[in-house]
């Protein structure tokens, strides 16, 4: 799996996990986190997903975004 804040500049591939800490930056705004999952281990990114997050810089509580099944991405400031 790998992640991106802009849909183009992605993190390095890493093994699938049910949780992930991810950092958002910049001003309070609506943000989108893009994910890719490589279901056949060939680094192609067979399944892509995105989720929109309302991000408040003054809010210190990290939201938990459920993508599907038991997969959770934890977004931190």
PDB file of N, CA and C in Angstrom:
ATOM      1  N   UNK A   1       0.855  -1.167   0.000  1.00  0.00           N
ATOM      2  CA  UNK A   1       0.000   0.000   0.000  1.00  0.00           C
ATOM      3  C   UNK A   1       0.896   1.222   0.000  1.00  0.00           C
ATOM      4  N   UNK A   2       0.351   2.345  -0.498  1.00  0.00           N
ATOM      5  CA  UNK A   2       1.054   3.616  -0.455  1.00  0.00           C
ATOM      6  C   UNK A   2       0.029   4.739  -0.430  1.00  0.00           C
ATOM      7  N   UNK A   3       0.486   5.963  -0.071  1.00  0.00           N
ATOM      8  CA  UNK A   3      -0.424   7.065   0.216  1.00  0.00           C
ATOM      9  C   UNK A   3       0.059   8.359  -0.427  1.00  0.00           C
ATOM     10  N   UNK A   4      -0.871   9.306  -0.581  1.00  0.00           N
ATOM     11  CA  UNK A   4      -0.544  10.598  -1.176  1.00  0.00           C
ATOM     12  C   UNK A   4      -1.533  11.652  -0.688  1.00  0.00           C
ATOM     13  N   UNK A   5      -1.049  12.874  -0.547  1.00  0.00           N
ATOM     14  CA  UNK A   5      -1.939  13.997  -0.234  1.00  0.00           C
ATOM     15  C   UNK A   5      -2.435  14.694  -1.492  1.00  0.00           C
ATOM     16  N   UNK A   6      -1.791  14.452  -2.642  1.00  0.00           N
ATOM     17  CA  UNK A   6      -2.173  15.160  -3.866  1.00  0.00           C
ATOM     18  C   UNK A   6      -2.541  14.226  -5.024  1.00  0.00           C
ATOM     19  N   UNK A   7      -2.457  12.919  -4.817  1.00  0.00           N
ATOM     20  CA  UNK A   7      -2.809  11.967  -5.866  1.00  0.00           C
ATOM     21  C   UNK A   7      -1.694  11.684  -6.846  1.00  0.00           C
ATOM     22  N   UNK A   8      -0.556  12.356  -6.699  1.00  0.00           N
ATOM     23  CA  UNK A   8       0.565  12.146  -7.621  1.00  0.00           C
ATOM     24  C   UNK A   8       1.862  11.794  -6.903  1.00  0.00           C
ATOM     25  N   UNK A   9       2.238  12.570  -5.889  1.00  0.00           N
ATOM     26  CA  UNK A   9       3.466  12.316  -5.135  1.00  0.00           C
ATOM     27  C   UNK A   9       3.148  11.332  -4.021  1.00  0.00           C
ATOM     28  N   UNK A  10       3.500  10.073  -4.248  1.00  0.00           N
ATOM     29  CA  UNK A  10       3.094   9.006  -3.340  1.00  0.00           C
ATOM     30  C   UNK A  10       4.244   8.564  -2.434  1.00  0.00           C
ATOM     31  N   UNK A  11       3.882   8.038  -1.287  1.00  0.00           N
ATOM     32  CA  UNK A  11       4.876   7.443  -0.396  1.00  0.00           C
ATOM     33  C   UNK A  11       5.402   6.160  -1.031  1.00  0.00           C
ATOM     34  N   UNK A  12       6.454   5.626  -0.452  1.00  0.00           N
ATOM     35  CA  UNK A  12       7.011   4.355  -0.943  1.00  0.00           C
ATOM     36  C   UNK A  12       6.034   3.220  -0.629  1.00  0.00           C
ATOM     37  N   UNK A  13       6.088   2.161  -1.433  1.00  0.00           N
ATOM     38  CA  UNK A  13       5.278   0.982  -1.152  1.00  0.00           C
ATOM     39  C   UNK A  13       5.674   0.416   0.198  1.00  0.00           C
ATOM     40  N   UNK A  14       4.695  -0.043   0.964  1.00  0.00           N
ATOM     41  CA  UNK A  14       4.945  -0.680   2.252  1.00  0.00           C
ATOM     42  C   UNK A  14       3.959  -1.825   2.419  1.00  0.00           C
ATOM     43  N   UNK A  15       4.288  -2.790   3.284  1.00  0.00           N
ATOM     44  CA  UNK A  15       3.375  -3.915   3.484  1.00  0.00           C
ATOM     45  C   UNK A  15       2.011  -3.448   3.983  1.00  0.00           C
ATOM     46  N   UNK A  16       0.972  -4.161   3.593  1.00  0.00           N
ATOM     47  CA  UNK A  16      -0.383  -3.848   4.036  1.00  0.00           C
ATOM     48  C   UNK A  16      -0.458  -3.907   5.557  1.00  0.00           C
ATOM     49  N   UNK A  17      -1.185  -2.968   6.144  1.00  0.00           N
ATOM     50  CA  UNK A  17      -1.460  -2.959   7.577  1.00  0.00           C
ATOM     51  C   UNK A  17      -2.885  -2.451   7.773  1.00  0.00           C
ATOM     52  N   UNK A  18      -3.497  -2.789   8.890  1.00  0.00           N
ATOM     53  CA  UNK A  18      -4.868  -2.363   9.141  1.00  0.00           C
ATOM     54  C   UNK A  18      -4.938  -0.948   9.691  1.00  0.00           C
ATOM     55  N   UNK A  19      -3.795  -0.368  10.106  1.00  0.00           N
ATOM     56  CA  UNK A  19      -3.757   1.028  10.543  1.00  0.00           C
ATOM     57  C   UNK A  19      -2.552   1.719   9.921  1.00  0.00           C
ATOM     58  N   UNK A  20      -2.644   3.045   9.800  1.00  0.00           N
ATOM     59  CA  UNK A  20      -1.552   3.830   9.227  1.00  0.00           C
ATOM     60  C   UNK A  20      -1.631   5.246   9.775  1.00  0.00           C
ATOM     61  N   UNK A  21      -0.530   5.762  10.295  1.00  0.00           N
ATOM     62  CA  UNK A  21      -0.454   7.175  10.686  1.00  0.00           C
ATOM     63  C   UNK A  21      -0.028   7.977   9.473  1.00  0.00           C
ATOM     64  N   UNK A  22      -0.710   9.092   9.233  1.00  0.00           N
ATOM     65  CA  UNK A  22      -0.425   9.912   8.056  1.00  0.00           C
ATOM     66  C   UNK A  22      -0.509  11.374   8.462  1.00  0.00           C
ATOM     67  N   UNK A  23       0.413  12.205   8.011  1.00  0.00           N
ATOM     68  CA  UNK A  23       0.468  13.605   8.401  1.00  0.00           C
ATOM     69  C   UNK A  23      -0.141  14.509   7.341  1.00  0.00           C
ATOM     70  N   UNK A  24      -1.032  15.408   7.776  1.00  0.00           N
ATOM     71  CA  UNK A  24      -1.578  16.460   6.928  1.00  0.00           C
ATOM     72  C   UNK A  24      -0.933  17.766   7.363  1.00  0.00           C
ATOM     73  N   UNK A  25      -0.744  18.690   6.434  1.00  0.00           N
ATOM     74  CA  UNK A  25      -0.132  19.966   6.788  1.00  0.00           C
ATOM     75  C   UNK A  25      -0.858  21.096   6.078  1.00  0.00           C
ATOM     76  N   UNK A  26      -0.458  22.318   6.423  1.00  0.00           N
ATOM     77  CA  UNK A  26      -1.057  23.482   5.791  1.00  0.00           C
ATOM     78  C   UNK A  26      -2.214  24.015   6.603  1.00  0.00           C
ATOM     79  N   UNK A  27      -2.945  24.893   5.995  1.00  0.00           N
ATOM     80  CA  UNK A  27      -4.066  25.574   6.658  1.00  0.00           C
ATOM     81  C   UNK A  27      -5.259  24.644   6.831  1.00  0.00           C
ATOM     82  N   UNK A  28      -6.160  25.029   7.731  1.00  0.00           N
ATOM     83  CA  UNK A  28      -7.423  24.296   7.885  1.00  0.00           C
ATOM     84  C   UNK A  28      -8.147  24.301   6.552  1.00  0.00           C
ATOM     85  N   UNK A  29      -8.624  23.139   6.147  1.00  0.00           N
ATOM     86  CA  UNK A  29      -9.259  23.028   4.847  1.00  0.00           C
ATOM     87  C   UNK A  29      -9.790  21.611   4.704  1.00  0.00           C
ATOM     88  N   UNK A  30     -10.491  21.347   3.632  1.00  0.00           N
ATOM     89  CA  UNK A  30     -10.878  19.994   3.290  1.00  0.00           C
ATOM     90  C   UNK A  30      -9.710  19.356   2.557  1.00  0.00           C
ATOM     91  N   UNK A  31      -9.238  18.230   3.042  1.00  0.00           N
ATOM     92  CA  UNK A  31      -8.100  17.521   2.457  1.00  0.00           C
ATOM     93  C   UNK A  31      -8.569  16.184   1.903  1.00  0.00           C
ATOM     94  N   UNK A  32      -7.829  15.645   0.956  1.00  0.00           N
ATOM     95  CA  UNK A  32      -8.086  14.316   0.429  1.00  0.00           C
ATOM     96  C   UNK A  32      -6.828  13.487   0.587  1.00  0.00           C
ATOM     97  N   UNK A  33      -6.971  12.286   1.118  1.00  0.00           N
ATOM     98  CA  UNK A  33      -5.865  11.337   1.204  1.00  0.00           C
ATOM     99  C   UNK A  33      -6.137  10.238   0.179  1.00  0.00           C
ATOM    100  N   UNK A  34      -5.163   9.986  -0.690  1.00  0.00           N
ATOM    101  CA  UNK A  34      -5.279   8.981  -1.734  1.00  0.00           C
ATOM    102  C   UNK A  34      -4.497   7.748  -1.309  1.00  0.00           C
ATOM    103  N   UNK A  35      -5.066   6.574  -1.533  1.00  0.00           N
ATOM    104  CA  UNK A  35      -4.388   5.327  -1.193  1.00  0.00           C
ATOM    105  C   UNK A  35      -4.366   4.410  -2.399  1.00  0.00           C
ATOM    106  N   UNK A  36      -3.339   3.585  -2.468  1.00  0.00           N
ATOM    107  CA  UNK A  36      -3.272   2.533  -3.473  1.00  0.00           C
ATOM    108  C   UNK A  36      -2.897   1.238  -2.765  1.00  0.00           C
ATOM    109  N   UNK A  37      -3.571   0.160  -3.141  1.00  0.00           N
ATOM    110  CA  UNK A  37      -3.283  -1.156  -2.597  1.00  0.00           C
ATOM    111  C   UNK A  37      -2.866  -2.066  -3.742  1.00  0.00           C
ATOM    112  N   UNK A  38      -1.782  -2.784  -3.547  1.00  0.00           N
ATOM    113  CA  UNK A  38      -1.235  -3.688  -4.556  1.00  0.00           C
ATOM    114  C   UNK A  38      -1.680  -5.104  -4.213  1.00  0.00           C
ATOM    115  N   UNK A  39      -2.781  -5.544  -4.819  1.00  0.00           N
ATOM    116  CA  UNK A  39      -3.382  -6.809  -4.401  1.00  0.00           C
ATOM    117  C   UNK A  39      -2.657  -8.045  -4.921  1.00  0.00           C
ATOM    118  N   UNK A  40      -1.785  -7.903  -5.929  1.00  0.00           N
ATOM    119  CA  UNK A  40      -1.047  -9.074  -6.404  1.00  0.00           C
ATOM    120  C   UNK A  40       0.459  -8.905  -6.304  1.00  0.00           C
ATOM    121  N   UNK A  41       0.903  -7.939  -5.471  1.00  0.00           N
ATOM    122  CA  UNK A  41       2.309  -7.770  -5.111  1.00  0.00           C
ATOM    123  C   UNK A  41       3.229  -7.515  -6.309  1.00  0.00           C
ATOM    124  N   UNK A  42       2.765  -6.696  -7.275  1.00  0.00           N
ATOM    125  CA  UNK A  42       3.610  -6.375  -8.423  1.00  0.00           C
ATOM    126  C   UNK A  42       3.930  -4.875  -8.509  1.00  0.00           C
ATOM    127  N   UNK A  43       3.631  -4.124  -7.450  1.00  0.00           N
ATOM    128  CA  UNK A  43       3.904  -2.680  -7.350  1.00  0.00           C
ATOM    129  C   UNK A  43       3.214  -1.858  -8.427  1.00  0.00           C
ATOM    130  N   UNK A  44       2.042  -2.296  -8.872  1.00  0.00           N
ATOM    131  CA  UNK A  44       1.290  -1.570  -9.891  1.00  0.00           C
ATOM    132  C   UNK A  44       0.198  -0.699  -9.273  1.00  0.00           C
ATOM    133  N   UNK A  45      -0.343  -1.078  -8.138  1.00  0.00           N
ATOM    134  CA  UNK A  45      -1.428  -0.318  -7.525  1.00  0.00           C
ATOM    135  C   UNK A  45      -2.756  -0.698  -8.123  1.00  0.00           C
ATOM    136  N   UNK A  46      -3.183  -1.930  -7.891  1.00  0.00           N
ATOM    137  CA  UNK A  46      -4.377  -2.478  -8.511  1.00  0.00           C
ATOM    138  C   UNK A  46      -5.678  -1.838  -8.023  1.00  0.00           C
ATOM    139  N   UNK A  47      -5.712  -1.371  -6.789  1.00  0.00           N
ATOM    140  CA  UNK A  47      -6.915  -0.779  -6.216  1.00  0.00           C
ATOM    141  C   UNK A  47      -6.564   0.595  -5.670  1.00  0.00           C
ATOM    142  N   UNK A  48      -7.266   1.625  -6.117  1.00  0.00           N
ATOM    143  CA  UNK A  48      -7.041   2.980  -5.627  1.00  0.00           C
ATOM    144  C   UNK A  48      -8.286   3.472  -4.918  1.00  0.00           C
ATOM    145  N   UNK A  49      -8.076   4.225  -3.831  1.00  0.00           N
ATOM    146  CA  UNK A  49      -9.182   4.780  -3.060  1.00  0.00           C
ATOM    147  C   UNK A  49      -8.792   6.184  -2.616  1.00  0.00           C
ATOM    148  N   UNK A  50      -9.770   6.979  -2.278  1.00  0.00           N
ATOM    149  CA  UNK A  50      -9.494   8.281  -1.676  1.00  0.00           C
ATOM    150  C   UNK A  50     -10.597   8.584  -0.677  1.00  0.00           C
ATOM    151  N   UNK A  51     -10.279   9.446   0.261  1.00  0.00           N
ATOM    152  CA  UNK A  51     -11.275   9.866   1.239  1.00  0.00           C
ATOM    153  C   UNK A  51     -11.046  11.335   1.534  1.00  0.00           C
ATOM    154  N   UNK A  52     -12.124  12.080   1.707  1.00  0.00           N
ATOM    155  CA  UNK A  52     -12.053  13.505   2.006  1.00  0.00           C
ATOM    156  C   UNK A  52     -12.120  13.698   3.511  1.00  0.00           C
ATOM    157  N   UNK A  53     -11.256  14.569   4.024  1.00  0.00           N
ATOM    158  CA  UNK A  53     -11.134  14.813   5.456  1.00  0.00           C
ATOM    159  C   UNK A  53     -11.252  16.306   5.698  1.00  0.00           C
ATOM    160  N   UNK A  54     -12.108  16.708   6.613  1.00  0.00           N
ATOM    161  CA  UNK A  54     -12.183  18.104   7.014  1.00  0.00           C
ATOM    162  C   UNK A  54     -11.114  18.310   8.083  1.00  0.00           C
ATOM    163  N   UNK A  55     -10.077  19.058   7.753  1.00  0.00           N
ATOM    164  CA  UNK A  55      -8.877  19.200   8.579  1.00  0.00           C
ATOM    165  C   UNK A  55      -8.870  20.558   9.255  1.00  0.00           C
ATOM    166  N   UNK A  56      -8.790  20.563  10.585  1.00  0.00           N
ATOM    167  CA  UNK A  56      -8.715  21.796  11.373  1.00  0.00           C
ATOM    168  C   UNK A  56      -7.384  21.821  12.097  1.00  0.00           C
ATOM    169  N   UNK A  57      -6.558  22.816  11.822  1.00  0.00           N
ATOM    170  CA  UNK A  57      -5.237  22.923  12.437  1.00  0.00           C
ATOM    171  C   UNK A  57      -5.343  23.004  13.956  1.00  0.00           C
ATOM    172  N   UNK A  58      -6.367  23.655  14.495  1.00  0.00           N
ATOM    173  CA  UNK A  58      -6.502  23.809  15.937  1.00  0.00           C
ATOM    174  C   UNK A  58      -7.049  22.565  16.620  1.00  0.00           C
ATOM    175  N   UNK A  59      -7.548  21.611  15.866  1.00  0.00           N
ATOM    176  CA  UNK A  59      -8.090  20.377  16.419  1.00  0.00           C
ATOM    177  C   UNK A  59      -6.950  19.392  16.640  1.00  0.00           C
ATOM    178  N   UNK A  60      -6.728  18.965  17.879  1.00  0.00           N
ATOM    179  CA  UNK A  60      -5.622  18.050  18.173  1.00  0.00           C
ATOM    180  C   UNK A  60      -6.053  16.590  18.206  1.00  0.00           C
ATOM    181  N   UNK A  61      -7.323  16.324  17.950  1.00  0.00           N
ATOM    182  CA  UNK A  61      -7.814  14.956  17.925  1.00  0.00           C
ATOM    183  C   UNK A  61      -7.694  14.399  16.509  1.00  0.00           C
ATOM    184  N   UNK A  62      -6.962  13.309  16.375  1.00  0.00           N
ATOM    185  CA  UNK A  62      -6.777  12.706  15.052  1.00  0.00           C
ATOM    186  C   UNK A  62      -8.033  11.944  14.642  1.00  0.00           C
ATOM    187  N   UNK A  63      -8.585  12.210  13.444  1.00  0.00           N
ATOM    188  CA  UNK A  63      -9.757  11.459  12.994  1.00  0.00           C
ATOM    189  C   UNK A  63      -9.366  10.043  12.581  1.00  0.00           C
ATOM    190  N   UNK A  64     -10.283   9.117  12.631  1.00  0.00           N
ATOM    191  CA  UNK A  64     -10.077   7.763  12.133  1.00  0.00           C
ATOM    192  C   UNK A  64     -10.998   7.593  10.932  1.00  0.00           C
ATOM    193  N   UNK A  65     -10.429   7.280   9.793  1.00  0.00           N
ATOM    194  CA  UNK A  65     -11.174   7.138   8.548  1.00  0.00           C
ATOM    195  C   UNK A  65     -11.238   5.651   8.199  1.00  0.00           C
ATOM    196  N   UNK A  66     -12.418   5.080   8.097  1.00  0.00           N
ATOM    197  CA  UNK A  66     -12.566   3.679   7.739  1.00  0.00           C
ATOM    198  C   UNK A  66     -12.760   3.574   6.237  1.00  0.00           C
ATOM    199  N   UNK A  67     -11.847   2.859   5.561  1.00  0.00           N
ATOM    200  CA  UNK A  67     -11.924   2.721   4.112  1.00  0.00           C
ATOM    201  C   UNK A  67     -12.824   1.570   3.712  1.00  0.00           C
ATOM    202  N   UNK A  68     -12.558   0.387   4.256  1.00  0.00           N
ATOM    203  CA  UNK A  68     -13.392  -0.760   3.973  1.00  0.00           C
ATOM    204  C   UNK A  68     -12.965  -1.896   4.887  1.00  0.00           C
ATOM    205  N   UNK A  69     -13.896  -2.772   5.189  1.00  0.00           N
ATOM    206  CA  UNK A  69     -13.578  -3.911   6.054  1.00  0.00           C
ATOM    207  C   UNK A  69     -12.990  -3.455   7.371  1.00  0.00           C
ATOM    208  N   UNK A  70     -11.839  -4.023   7.712  1.00  0.00           N
ATOM    209  CA  UNK A  70     -11.172  -3.701   8.963  1.00  0.00           C
ATOM    210  C   UNK A  70     -10.014  -2.724   8.759  1.00  0.00           C
ATOM    211  N   UNK A  71      -9.872  -2.127   7.582  1.00  0.00           N
ATOM    212  CA  UNK A  71      -8.762  -1.229   7.290  1.00  0.00           C
ATOM    213  C   UNK A  71      -9.042   0.162   7.835  1.00  0.00           C
ATOM    214  N   UNK A  72      -8.099   0.726   8.579  1.00  0.00           N
ATOM    215  CA  UNK A  72      -8.246   2.048   9.150  1.00  0.00           C
ATOM    216  C   UNK A  72      -6.981   2.848   8.916  1.00  0.00           C
ATOM    217  N   UNK A  73      -7.124   4.110   8.500  1.00  0.00           N
ATOM    218  CA  UNK A  73      -5.991   5.015   8.397  1.00  0.00           C
ATOM    219  C   UNK A  73      -6.164   6.057   9.488  1.00  0.00           C
ATOM    220  N   UNK A  74      -5.147   6.243  10.331  1.00  0.00           N
ATOM    221  CA  UNK A  74      -5.210   7.262  11.362  1.00  0.00           C
ATOM    222  C   UNK A  74      -4.443   8.473  10.861  1.00  0.00           C
ATOM    223  N   UNK A  75      -5.100   9.622  10.789  1.00  0.00           N
ATOM    224  CA  UNK A  75      -4.514  10.862  10.300  1.00  0.00           C
ATOM    225  C   UNK A  75      -4.066  11.685  11.507  1.00  0.00           C
ATOM    226  N   UNK A  76      -2.790  12.096  11.545  1.00  0.00           N
ATOM    227  CA  UNK A  76      -2.289  12.881  12.663  1.00  0.00           C
ATOM    228  C   UNK A  76      -1.755  14.204  12.194  1.00  0.00           C
ATOM    229  N   UNK A  77      -1.716  15.178  13.117  1.00  0.00           N
ATOM    230  CA  UNK A  77      -1.184  16.500  12.794  1.00  0.00           C
ATOM    231  C   UNK A  77       0.293  16.524  13.092  1.00  0.00           C
TER     232      UNK A  77
END
